[in-house]
Amino acid sequence: MTIPSDAETRRAVKPVICYPNDTLPAPDLALYQAARATAEKTDEVLIPARKAACFRVPAGHFFRISSIEGPQVGDLNLWNSNDLSERFYSGKSRALHGTHLTVGERMWSSFPTLRPMATITTDTLGWYGIDEFGGSVHDVIGTRCDPYTGNLLSGTHYHHCCHSNLIRALAEDTGMSYAEAEPHVHDVLNVFMCTGFTRDTGQYFMKASPVRPGDHLEFFAEIDLLGALSACPGGDCSSEHSSDEAACYPLLVEVFAPAPGTLDGWQSPPVNGYNRQHKD
């Protein structure tokens, strides 16, 4: 390989943000927080260790994911409960907000709807920031642990990866077969997971999550949601994620309904306004 004479000049070019987000519709966090203050719990779902379960959240309600027994990360899928073709788009959420999500940032839906599905309203790990390794929590860069990659790398047939867990949960909730459910499972929000990219090789890394019992991540449902959450077999993801080796703990999902009148004037966001002609 020949290094060009102007290599350093080329490297020194300053980057620009691909998707400046200062024109994104801003969530009314003050309205959401006021509504949350008097909201009452209407449902809860316990996610057993190394398993997944579904839950439903009506538009205008809140849902909370909590660590309850020990440090544990979770892989979250979201769909429009009335149309499963509208689902969480991790790549575009990453492009609009960054590699990790926190309060005021949103989980955006897939094309062609591309609208907010859920807004993060509370994050007890918001203090973590970005550590010296470039790690942070609640990432939208990892896809989910899956049996195909495990088989590719080590020849295993492990059935409790998050991908398989989410398939089983969705199939059980909807009555689909596993084969029917699998195409609906998509790239996740890695709740509580601490991740980043190595500076030298650019590889995706994980490290022990800072989550502790009592920590939680809370969302406002912008549309009617069907969610599925897997309690990752990696536990806190300090060393392993596709086996039964790690210590694992359950996660808790709770749903809260705001009091009547506290969201007056709010409505679900419309679908994306692009005319879909794809030509002049």
C-alpha atoms as a PDB file:
ATOM      1  CA  MET A   1       0.000   0.000   0.000  1.00  0.00           C
ATOM      2  CA  THR A   2       1.322   3.414  -0.974  1.00  0.00           C
ATOM      3  CA  ILE A   3       0.516   6.273   1.392  1.00  0.00           C
ATOM      4  CA  PRO A   4      -0.244   9.473  -0.554  1.00  0.00           C
ATOM      5  CA  SER A   5       1.796  12.563   0.188  1.00  0.00           C
ATOM      6  CA  ASP A   6      -1.302  14.483   1.309  1.00  0.00           C
ATOM      7  CA  ALA A   7      -2.598  11.730   3.616  1.00  0.00           C
ATOM      8  CA  GLU A   8      -2.510  13.905   6.729  1.00  0.00           C
ATOM      9  CA  THR A   9      -4.320  16.717   4.936  1.00  0.00           C
ATOM     10  CA  ARG A  10      -7.095  14.333   3.915  1.00  0.00           C
ATOM     11  CA  ARG A  11      -7.383  12.997   7.460  1.00  0.00           C
ATOM     12  CA  ALA A  12      -7.576  16.515   8.877  1.00  0.00           C
ATOM     13  CA  VAL A  13     -10.815  17.369   7.048  1.00  0.00           C
ATOM     14  CA  LYS A  14     -13.405  18.247   9.694  1.00  0.00           C
ATOM     15  CA  PRO A  15     -16.528  16.056   9.857  1.00  0.00           C
ATOM     16  CA  VAL A  16     -20.066  17.332   9.454  1.00  0.00           C
ATOM     17  CA  ILE A  17     -23.206  15.952  11.083  1.00  0.00           C
ATOM     18  CA  CYS A  18     -25.104  13.808   8.578  1.00  0.00           C
ATOM     19  CA  TYR A  19     -28.555  14.613   9.953  1.00  0.00           C
ATOM     20  CA  PRO A  20     -28.644  17.908  11.898  1.00  0.00           C
ATOM     21  CA  ASN A  21     -31.561  17.387  14.281  1.00  0.00           C
ATOM     22  CA  ASP A  22     -32.332  20.924  15.399  1.00  0.00           C
ATOM     23  CA  THR A  23     -35.457  20.927  13.198  1.00  0.00           C
ATOM     24  CA  LEU A  24     -36.867  17.668  14.577  1.00  0.00           C
ATOM     25  CA  PRO A  25     -40.275  18.063  16.236  1.00  0.00           C
ATOM     26  CA  ALA A  26     -39.457  18.415  19.936  1.00  0.00           C
ATOM     27  CA  PRO A  27     -41.414  16.378  22.485  1.00  0.00           C
ATOM     28  CA  ASP A  28     -43.313  18.366  25.102  1.00  0.00           C
ATOM     29  CA  LEU A  29     -41.488  16.873  28.077  1.00  0.00           C
ATOM     30  CA  ALA A  30     -43.150  19.261  30.527  1.00  0.00           C
ATOM     31  CA  LEU A  31     -46.579  18.025  29.409  1.00  0.00           C
ATOM     32  CA  TYR A  32     -45.466  14.402  29.645  1.00  0.00           C
ATOM     33  CA  GLN A  33     -43.975  14.869  33.096  1.00  0.00           C
ATOM     34  CA  ALA A  34     -47.108  16.588  34.369  1.00  0.00           C
ATOM     35  CA  ALA A  35     -49.247  13.738  33.024  1.00  0.00           C
ATOM     36  CA  ARG A  36     -46.920  11.149  34.544  1.00  0.00           C
ATOM     37  CA  ALA A  37     -47.152  12.733  37.994  1.00  0.00           C
ATOM     38  CA  THR A  38     -50.734  11.515  38.485  1.00  0.00           C
ATOM     39  CA  ALA A  39     -50.632   8.416  36.271  1.00  0.00           C
ATOM     40  CA  GLU A  40     -51.731   5.101  37.756  1.00  0.00           C
ATOM     41  CA  LYS A  41     -50.320   1.660  37.030  1.00  0.00           C
ATOM     42  CA  THR A  42     -52.595  -0.473  34.879  1.00  0.00           C
ATOM     43  CA  ASP A  43     -50.432  -3.471  34.025  1.00  0.00           C
ATOM     44  CA  GLU A  44     -47.110  -5.166  34.637  1.00  0.00           C
ATOM     45  CA  VAL A  45     -45.202  -7.969  32.941  1.00  0.00           C
ATOM     46  CA  LEU A  46     -42.292  -9.842  34.504  1.00  0.00           C
ATOM     47  CA  ILE A  47     -39.622 -10.879  32.002  1.00  0.00           C
ATOM     48  CA  PRO A  48     -37.897 -14.032  33.302  1.00  0.00           C
ATOM     49  CA  ALA A  49     -34.129 -14.387  32.968  1.00  0.00           C
ATOM     50  CA  ARG A  50     -33.061 -15.631  29.511  1.00  0.00           C
ATOM     51  CA  LYS A  51     -36.620 -15.300  28.221  1.00  0.00           C
ATOM     52  CA  ALA A  52     -38.819 -12.659  26.603  1.00  0.00           C
ATOM     53  CA  ALA A  53     -42.413 -11.513  26.864  1.00  0.00           C
ATOM     54  CA  CYS A  54     -44.723  -9.091  25.090  1.00  0.00           C
ATOM     55  CA  PHE A  55     -46.646  -6.159  26.520  1.00  0.00           C
ATOM     56  CA  ARG A  56     -49.071  -3.589  25.116  1.00  0.00           C
ATOM     57  CA  VAL A  57     -49.152   0.153  25.714  1.00  0.00           C
ATOM     58  CA  PRO A  58     -51.957   2.399  24.423  1.00  0.00           C
ATOM     59  CA  ALA A  59     -50.971   5.699  22.856  1.00  0.00           C
ATOM     60  CA  GLY A  60     -50.652   8.380  25.515  1.00  0.00           C
ATOM     61  CA  HIS A  61     -49.625   5.930  28.259  1.00  0.00           C
ATOM     62  CA  PHE A  62     -46.219   5.388  29.840  1.00  0.00           C
ATOM     63  CA  PHE A  63     -44.159   2.243  30.241  1.00  0.00           C
ATOM     64  CA  ARG A  64     -41.185   1.608  32.483  1.00  0.00           C
ATOM     65  CA  ILE A  65     -38.460  -1.050  32.232  1.00  0.00           C
ATOM     66  CA  SER A  66     -36.817  -1.742  35.596  1.00  0.00           C
ATOM     67  CA  SER A  67     -33.928  -3.744  36.988  1.00  0.00           C
ATOM     68  CA  ILE A  68     -35.323  -5.564  40.019  1.00  0.00           C
ATOM     69  CA  GLU A  69     -32.953  -8.263  41.302  1.00  0.00           C
ATOM     70  CA  GLY A  70     -29.517  -7.789  39.773  1.00  0.00           C
ATOM     71  CA  PRO A  71     -27.649  -6.119  36.898  1.00  0.00           C
ATOM     72  CA  GLN A  72     -29.373  -7.165  33.689  1.00  0.00           C
ATOM     73  CA  VAL A  73     -29.684  -5.778  30.175  1.00  0.00           C
ATOM     74  CA  GLY A  74     -32.706  -6.133  27.910  1.00  0.00           C
ATOM     75  CA  ASP A  75     -33.334  -6.161  24.164  1.00  0.00           C
ATOM     76  CA  LEU A  76     -36.430  -4.162  23.195  1.00  0.00           C
ATOM     77  CA  ASN A  77     -38.558  -4.434  20.049  1.00  0.00           C
ATOM     78  CA  LEU A  78     -41.523  -2.140  19.361  1.00  0.00           C
ATOM     79  CA  TRP A  79     -44.296  -2.397  16.785  1.00  0.00           C
ATOM     80  CA  ASN A  80     -47.426  -0.432  16.004  1.00  0.00           C
ATOM     81  CA  SER A  81     -49.910  -2.765  17.687  1.00  0.00           C
ATOM     82  CA  ASN A  82     -52.410  -2.142  14.870  1.00  0.00           C
ATOM     83  CA  ASP A  83     -49.932  -2.743  12.031  1.00  0.00           C
ATOM     84  CA  LEU A  84     -46.798  -4.804  12.646  1.00  0.00           C
ATOM     85  CA  SER A  85     -45.212  -3.527   9.432  1.00  0.00           C
ATOM     86  CA  GLU A  86     -44.552  -0.289  11.318  1.00  0.00           C
ATOM     87  CA  ARG A  87     -41.736  -1.121  13.689  1.00  0.00           C
ATOM     88  CA  PHE A  88     -38.761   0.397  15.454  1.00  0.00           C
ATOM     89  CA  TYR A  89     -35.990   1.586  13.116  1.00  0.00           C
ATOM     90  CA  SER A  90     -32.787   1.515  15.150  1.00  0.00           C
ATOM     91  CA  GLY A  91     -30.562   2.708  12.306  1.00  0.00           C
ATOM     92  CA  LYS A  92     -32.532   5.897  11.691  1.00  0.00           C
ATOM     93  CA  SER A  93     -32.915   6.510  15.437  1.00  0.00           C
ATOM     94  CA  ARG A  94     -29.126   6.259  15.657  1.00  0.00           C
ATOM     95  CA  ALA A  95     -28.655   8.615  12.706  1.00  0.00           C
ATOM     96  CA  LEU A  96     -31.020  11.199  14.199  1.00  0.00           C
ATOM     97  CA  HIS A  97     -29.918  11.077  17.846  1.00  0.00           C
ATOM     98  CA  GLY A  98     -26.637   9.182  18.190  1.00  0.00           C
ATOM     99  CA  THR A  99     -25.391   5.759  19.206  1.00  0.00           C
ATOM    100  CA  HIS A 100     -27.117   5.755  22.614  1.00  0.00           C
ATOM    101  CA  LEU A 101     -30.502   7.173  23.632  1.00  0.00           C
ATOM    102  CA  THR A 102     -31.605   9.072  26.730  1.00  0.00           C
ATOM    103  CA  VAL A 103     -34.257  11.534  27.969  1.00  0.00           C
ATOM    104  CA  GLY A 104     -35.965  13.571  25.255  1.00  0.00           C
ATOM    105  CA  GLU A 105     -34.816  11.254  22.479  1.00  0.00           C
ATOM    106  CA  ARG A 106     -37.106   8.990  20.554  1.00  0.00           C
ATOM    107  CA  MET A 107     -37.531   5.565  19.051  1.00  0.00           C
ATOM    108  CA  TRP A 108     -38.473   6.207  15.410  1.00  0.00           C
ATOM    109  CA  SER A 109     -40.478   3.896  13.186  1.00  0.00           C
ATOM    110  CA  SER A 110     -39.553   2.306   9.878  1.00  0.00           C
ATOM    111  CA  PHE A 111     -40.274   3.586   6.379  1.00  0.00           C
ATOM    112  CA  PRO A 112     -42.671   4.753   5.103  1.00  0.00           C
ATOM    113  CA  THR A 113     -44.177   6.033   8.364  1.00  0.00           C
ATOM    114  CA  LEU A 114     -40.942   7.342   9.985  1.00  0.00           C
ATOM    115  CA  ARG A 115     -42.475   8.948  13.063  1.00  0.00           C
ATOM    116  CA  PRO A 116     -41.877   8.807  16.818  1.00  0.00           C
ATOM    117  CA  MET A 117     -43.092   5.578  18.400  1.00  0.00           C
ATOM    118  CA  ALA A 118     -41.906   6.292  21.946  1.00  0.00           C
ATOM    119  CA  THR A 119     -40.118   9.112  23.746  1.00  0.00           C
ATOM    120  CA  ILE A 120     -37.750   8.512  26.660  1.00  0.00           C
ATOM    121  CA  THR A 121     -38.975  10.516  29.650  1.00  0.00           C
ATOM    122  CA  THR A 122     -36.881   9.142  32.540  1.00  0.00           C
ATOM    123  CA  ASP A 123     -33.422   7.557  32.617  1.00  0.00           C
ATOM    124  CA  THR A 124     -31.868   6.810  36.007  1.00  0.00           C
ATOM    125  CA  LEU A 125     -28.580   5.999  34.246  1.00  0.00           C
ATOM    126  CA  GLY A 126     -28.455   9.382  32.549  1.00  0.00           C
ATOM    127  CA  TRP A 127     -25.531  10.279  34.825  1.00  0.00           C
ATOM    128  CA  TYR A 128     -23.266   7.739  33.095  1.00  0.00           C
ATOM    129  CA  GLY A 129     -22.540   9.800  29.998  1.00  0.00           C
ATOM    130  CA  ILE A 130     -19.634   8.569  27.867  1.00  0.00           C
ATOM    131  CA  ASP A 131     -16.790   6.827  29.696  1.00  0.00           C
ATOM    132  CA  GLU A 132     -13.064   6.819  28.949  1.00  0.00           C
ATOM    133  CA  PHE A 133     -13.455   3.861  26.579  1.00  0.00           C
ATOM    134  CA  GLY A 134     -16.206   5.549  24.576  1.00  0.00           C
ATOM    135  CA  GLY A 135     -18.886   3.412  26.222  1.00  0.00           C
ATOM    136  CA  SER A 136     -22.396   4.553  27.085  1.00  0.00           C
ATOM    137  CA  VAL A 137     -25.771   2.973  27.909  1.00  0.00           C
ATOM    138  CA  HIS A 138     -29.002   2.198  25.992  1.00  0.00           C
ATOM    139  CA  ASP A 139     -27.447   1.641  22.581  1.00  0.00           C
ATOM    140  CA  VAL A 140     -28.924   1.487  19.107  1.00  0.00           C
ATOM    141  CA  ILE A 141     -25.786   0.044  17.510  1.00  0.00           C
ATOM    142  CA  GLY A 142     -25.967  -3.626  18.506  1.00  0.00           C
ATOM    143  CA  THR A 143     -28.511  -5.710  16.644  1.00  0.00           C
ATOM    144  CA  ARG A 144     -29.325  -8.367  19.345  1.00  0.00           C
ATOM    145  CA  CYS A 145     -27.577 -11.635  20.143  1.00  0.00           C
ATOM    146  CA  ASP A 146     -28.746 -14.337  17.760  1.00  0.00           C
ATOM    147  CA  PRO A 147     -28.204 -18.045  17.072  1.00  0.00           C
ATOM    148  CA  TYR A 148     -27.071 -17.513  13.480  1.00  0.00           C
ATOM    149  CA  THR A 149     -23.992 -15.515  14.451  1.00  0.00           C
ATOM    150  CA  GLY A 150     -23.302 -17.974  17.267  1.00  0.00           C
ATOM    151  CA  ASN A 151     -23.398 -20.823  14.788  1.00  0.00           C
ATOM    152  CA  LEU A 152     -21.211 -18.905  12.339  1.00  0.00           C
ATOM    153  CA  LEU A 153     -18.532 -18.166  14.929  1.00  0.00           C
ATOM    154  CA  SER A 154     -18.582 -21.308  17.058  1.00  0.00           C
ATOM    155  CA  GLY A 155     -20.934 -23.878  15.519  1.00  0.00           C
ATOM    156  CA  THR A 156     -23.416 -23.725  18.413  1.00  0.00           C
ATOM    157  CA  HIS A 157     -27.195 -24.142  18.389  1.00  0.00           C
ATOM    158  CA  TYR A 158     -28.163 -21.945  21.332  1.00  0.00           C
ATOM    159  CA  HIS A 159     -31.902 -21.227  21.538  1.00  0.00           C
ATOM    160  CA  HIS A 160     -32.063 -18.549  24.246  1.00  0.00           C
ATOM    161  CA  CYS A 161     -30.389 -15.681  22.410  1.00  0.00           C
ATOM    162  CA  CYS A 162     -32.480 -12.517  22.363  1.00  0.00           C
ATOM    163  CA  HIS A 163     -33.442 -13.065  18.718  1.00  0.00           C
ATOM    164  CA  SER A 164     -34.992 -16.451  19.489  1.00  0.00           C
ATOM    165  CA  ASN A 165     -36.514 -15.189  22.735  1.00  0.00           C
ATOM    166  CA  LEU A 166     -38.244 -12.348  20.886  1.00  0.00           C
ATOM    167  CA  ILE A 167     -39.541 -14.738  18.212  1.00  0.00           C
ATOM    168  CA  ARG A 168     -41.110 -17.007  20.821  1.00  0.00           C
ATOM    169  CA  ALA A 169     -42.649 -14.073  22.694  1.00  0.00           C
ATOM    170  CA  LEU A 170     -44.179 -12.558  19.556  1.00  0.00           C
ATOM    171  CA  ALA A 171     -45.468 -15.933  18.381  1.00  0.00           C
ATOM    172  CA  GLU A 172     -47.084 -16.598  21.749  1.00  0.00           C
ATOM    173  CA  ASP A 173     -48.725 -13.167  21.860  1.00  0.00           C
ATOM    174  CA  THR A 174     -50.049 -13.118  18.292  1.00  0.00           C
ATOM    175  CA  GLY A 175     -50.655 -16.793  17.530  1.00  0.00           C
ATOM    176  CA  MET A 176     -48.123 -16.768  14.695  1.00  0.00           C
ATOM    177  CA  SER A 177     -45.821 -19.685  14.054  1.00  0.00           C
ATOM    178  CA  TYR A 178     -42.130 -19.127  14.773  1.00  0.00           C
ATOM    179  CA  ALA A 179     -41.501 -18.935  11.021  1.00  0.00           C
ATOM    180  CA  GLU A 180     -44.175 -16.256  10.655  1.00  0.00           C
ATOM    181  CA  ALA A 181     -42.957 -14.287  13.662  1.00  0.00           C
ATOM    182  CA  GLU A 182     -39.244 -14.251  12.827  1.00  0.00           C
ATOM    183  CA  PRO A 183     -39.376 -11.664   9.987  1.00  0.00           C
ATOM    184  CA  HIS A 184     -41.066  -9.212  12.358  1.00  0.00           C
ATOM    185  CA  VAL A 185     -38.221  -9.325  14.897  1.00  0.00           C
ATOM    186  CA  HIS A 186     -35.869  -6.430  14.267  1.00  0.00           C
ATOM    187  CA  ASP A 187     -32.818  -4.572  15.531  1.00  0.00           C
ATOM    188  CA  VAL A 188     -33.285  -3.508  19.119  1.00  0.00           C
ATOM    189  CA  LEU A 189     -32.799  -0.807  21.687  1.00  0.00           C
ATOM    190  CA  ASN A 190     -30.306  -2.395  24.070  1.00  0.00           C
ATOM    191  CA  VAL A 191     -31.778  -1.244  27.370  1.00  0.00           C
ATOM    192  CA  PHE A 192     -29.167  -0.786  30.154  1.00  0.00           C
ATOM    193  CA  MET A 193     -26.408  -2.272  27.965  1.00  0.00           C
ATOM    194  CA  CYS A 194     -23.056  -0.434  28.072  1.00  0.00           C
ATOM    195  CA  THR A 195     -21.386  -0.451  24.670  1.00  0.00           C
ATOM    196  CA  GLY A 196     -19.280   1.473  22.197  1.00  0.00           C
ATOM    197  CA  PHE A 197     -16.706   1.090  19.452  1.00  0.00           C
ATOM    198  CA  THR A 198     -13.008   0.475  20.052  1.00  0.00           C
ATOM    199  CA  ARG A 199     -10.884   3.420  18.985  1.00  0.00           C
ATOM    200  CA  ASP A 200      -8.180   1.340  17.269  1.00  0.00           C
ATOM    201  CA  THR A 201     -10.207  -1.242  15.304  1.00  0.00           C
ATOM    202  CA  GLY A 202     -13.713   0.232  15.342  1.00  0.00           C
ATOM    203  CA  GLN A 203     -15.164  -2.997  16.758  1.00  0.00           C
ATOM    204  CA  TYR A 204     -18.374  -3.110  18.741  1.00  0.00           C
ATOM    205  CA  PHE A 205     -17.630  -3.726  22.418  1.00  0.00           C
ATOM    206  CA  MET A 206     -19.625  -4.339  25.576  1.00  0.00           C
ATOM    207  CA  LYS A 207     -18.718  -3.969  29.226  1.00  0.00           C
ATOM    208  CA  ALA A 208     -20.412  -4.559  32.571  1.00  0.00           C
ATOM    209  CA  SER A 209     -23.605  -2.530  32.706  1.00  0.00           C
ATOM    210  CA  PRO A 210     -23.784   0.082  35.479  1.00  0.00           C
ATOM    211  CA  VAL A 211     -27.453  -0.833  36.053  1.00  0.00           C
ATOM    212  CA  ARG A 212     -28.504  -1.805  39.572  1.00  0.00           C
ATOM    213  CA  PRO A 213     -31.857  -2.865  41.057  1.00  0.00           C
ATOM    214  CA  GLY A 214     -34.157   0.141  41.119  1.00  0.00           C
ATOM    215  CA  ASP A 215     -32.727   1.691  37.967  1.00  0.00           C
ATOM    216  CA  HIS A 216     -35.252   2.180  35.201  1.00  0.00           C
ATOM    217  CA  LEU A 217     -35.873   3.609  31.754  1.00  0.00           C
ATOM    218  CA  GLU A 218     -39.304   5.094  31.134  1.00  0.00           C
ATOM    219  CA  PHE A 219     -41.067   5.944  27.884  1.00  0.00           C
ATOM    220  CA  PHE A 220     -44.142   7.787  26.655  1.00  0.00           C
ATOM    221  CA  ALA A 221     -46.036   5.828  23.986  1.00  0.00           C
ATOM    222  CA  GLU A 222     -46.625   8.121  21.018  1.00  0.00           C
ATOM    223  CA  ILE A 223     -48.732   5.491  19.206  1.00  0.00           C
ATOM    224  CA  ASP A 224     -50.421   2.227  20.203  1.00  0.00           C
ATOM    225  CA  LEU A 225     -47.544  -0.128  20.908  1.00  0.00           C
ATOM    226  CA  LEU A 226     -46.854  -3.821  21.049  1.00  0.00           C
ATOM    227  CA  GLY A 227     -43.521  -4.325  22.775  1.00  0.00           C
ATOM    228  CA  ALA A 228     -41.342  -7.367  23.315  1.00  0.00           C
ATOM    229  CA  LEU A 229     -38.470  -7.406  25.788  1.00  0.00           C
ATOM    230  CA  SER A 230     -35.818 -10.097  26.193  1.00  0.00           C
ATOM    231  CA  ALA A 231     -33.786 -10.448  29.387  1.00  0.00           C
ATOM    232  CA  CYS A 232     -30.486 -11.088  27.613  1.00  0.00           C
ATOM    233  CA  PRO A 233     -28.640 -14.346  28.400  1.00  0.00           C
ATOM    234  CA  GLY A 234     -25.541 -12.183  28.813  1.00  0.00           C
ATOM    235  CA  GLY A 235     -26.838 -10.791  32.120  1.00  0.00           C
ATOM    236  CA  ASP A 236     -24.925  -7.534  32.595  1.00  0.00           C
ATOM    237  CA  CYS A 237     -22.937  -8.325  29.407  1.00  0.00           C
ATOM    238  CA  SER A 238     -19.587  -8.088  31.171  1.00  0.00           C
ATOM    239  CA  SER A 239     -18.164 -11.137  29.395  1.00  0.00           C
ATOM    240  CA  GLU A 240     -20.607 -13.389  27.516  1.00  0.00           C
ATOM    241  CA  HIS A 241     -23.957 -13.079  25.758  1.00  0.00           C
ATOM    242  CA  SER A 242     -24.849 -16.303  23.929  1.00  0.00           C
ATOM    243  CA  SER A 243     -24.755 -19.057  26.525  1.00  0.00           C
ATOM    244  CA  ASP A 244     -26.042 -19.995  29.976  1.00  0.00           C
ATOM    245  CA  GLU A 245     -22.754 -18.967  31.630  1.00  0.00           C
ATOM    246  CA  ALA A 246     -23.608 -15.445  32.827  1.00  0.00           C
ATOM    247  CA  ALA A 247     -25.617 -14.611  35.939  1.00  0.00           C
ATOM    248  CA  CYS A 248     -29.025 -13.427  34.713  1.00  0.00           C
ATOM    249  CA  TYR A 249     -31.956 -11.709  36.381  1.00  0.00           C
ATOM    250  CA  PRO A 250     -35.544 -10.815  35.473  1.00  0.00           C
ATOM    251  CA  LEU A 251     -36.698  -7.418  34.258  1.00  0.00           C
ATOM    252  CA  LEU A 252     -40.007  -5.723  35.012  1.00  0.00           C
ATOM    253  CA  VAL A 253     -42.217  -3.802  32.578  1.00  0.00           C
ATOM    254  CA  GLU A 254     -44.941  -1.579  34.052  1.00  0.00           C
ATOM    255  CA  VAL A 255     -47.614   0.398  32.194  1.00  0.00           C
ATOM    256  CA  PHE A 256     -49.111   3.632  33.543  1.00  0.00           C
ATOM    257  CA  ALA A 257     -52.258   5.477  32.425  1.00  0.00           C
ATOM    258  CA  PRO A 258     -52.402   9.264  32.845  1.00  0.00           C
ATOM    259  CA  ALA A 259     -55.383  10.847  34.557  1.00  0.00           C
ATOM    260  CA  PRO A 260     -58.155  12.147  32.270  1.00  0.00           C
ATOM    261  CA  GLY A 261     -57.487  15.649  31.013  1.00  0.00           C
ATOM    262  CA  THR A 262     -53.758  15.691  31.711  1.00  0.00           C
ATOM    263  CA  LEU A 263     -52.885  15.287  28.025  1.00  0.00           C
ATOM    264  CA  ASP A 264     -55.464  17.674  26.595  1.00  0.00           C
ATOM    265  CA  GLY A 265     -54.295  18.906  23.201  1.00  0.00           C
ATOM    266  CA  TRP A 266     -51.884  16.025  22.636  1.00  0.00           C
ATOM    267  CA  GLN A 267     -52.315  13.640  19.719  1.00  0.00           C
ATOM    268  CA  SER A 268     -50.275  10.868  18.150  1.00  0.00           C
ATOM    269  CA  PRO A 269     -47.803  12.105  15.536  1.00  0.00           C
ATOM    270  CA  PRO A 270     -48.919  11.721  11.919  1.00  0.00           C
ATOM    271  CA  VAL A 271     -47.109   9.423   9.535  1.00  0.00           C
ATOM    272  CA  ASN A 272     -44.258  10.919   7.531  1.00  0.00           C
ATOM    273  CA  GLY A 273     -45.324  13.563   5.025  1.00  0.00           C
ATOM    274  CA  TYR A 274     -43.241  12.414   2.054  1.00  0.00           C
ATOM    275  CA  ASN A 275     -45.533  11.912  -0.964  1.00  0.00           C
ATOM    276  CA  ARG A 276     -43.913   8.567  -1.927  1.00  0.00           C
ATOM    277  CA  GLN A 277     -43.825   9.347  -5.654  1.00  0.00           C
ATOM    278  CA  HIS A 278     -40.066   8.636  -5.784  1.00  0.00           C
ATOM    279  CA  LYS A 279     -39.760  10.669  -8.980  1.00  0.00           C
ATOM    280  CA  ASP A 280     -40.036  14.242 -10.242  1.00  0.00           C
END
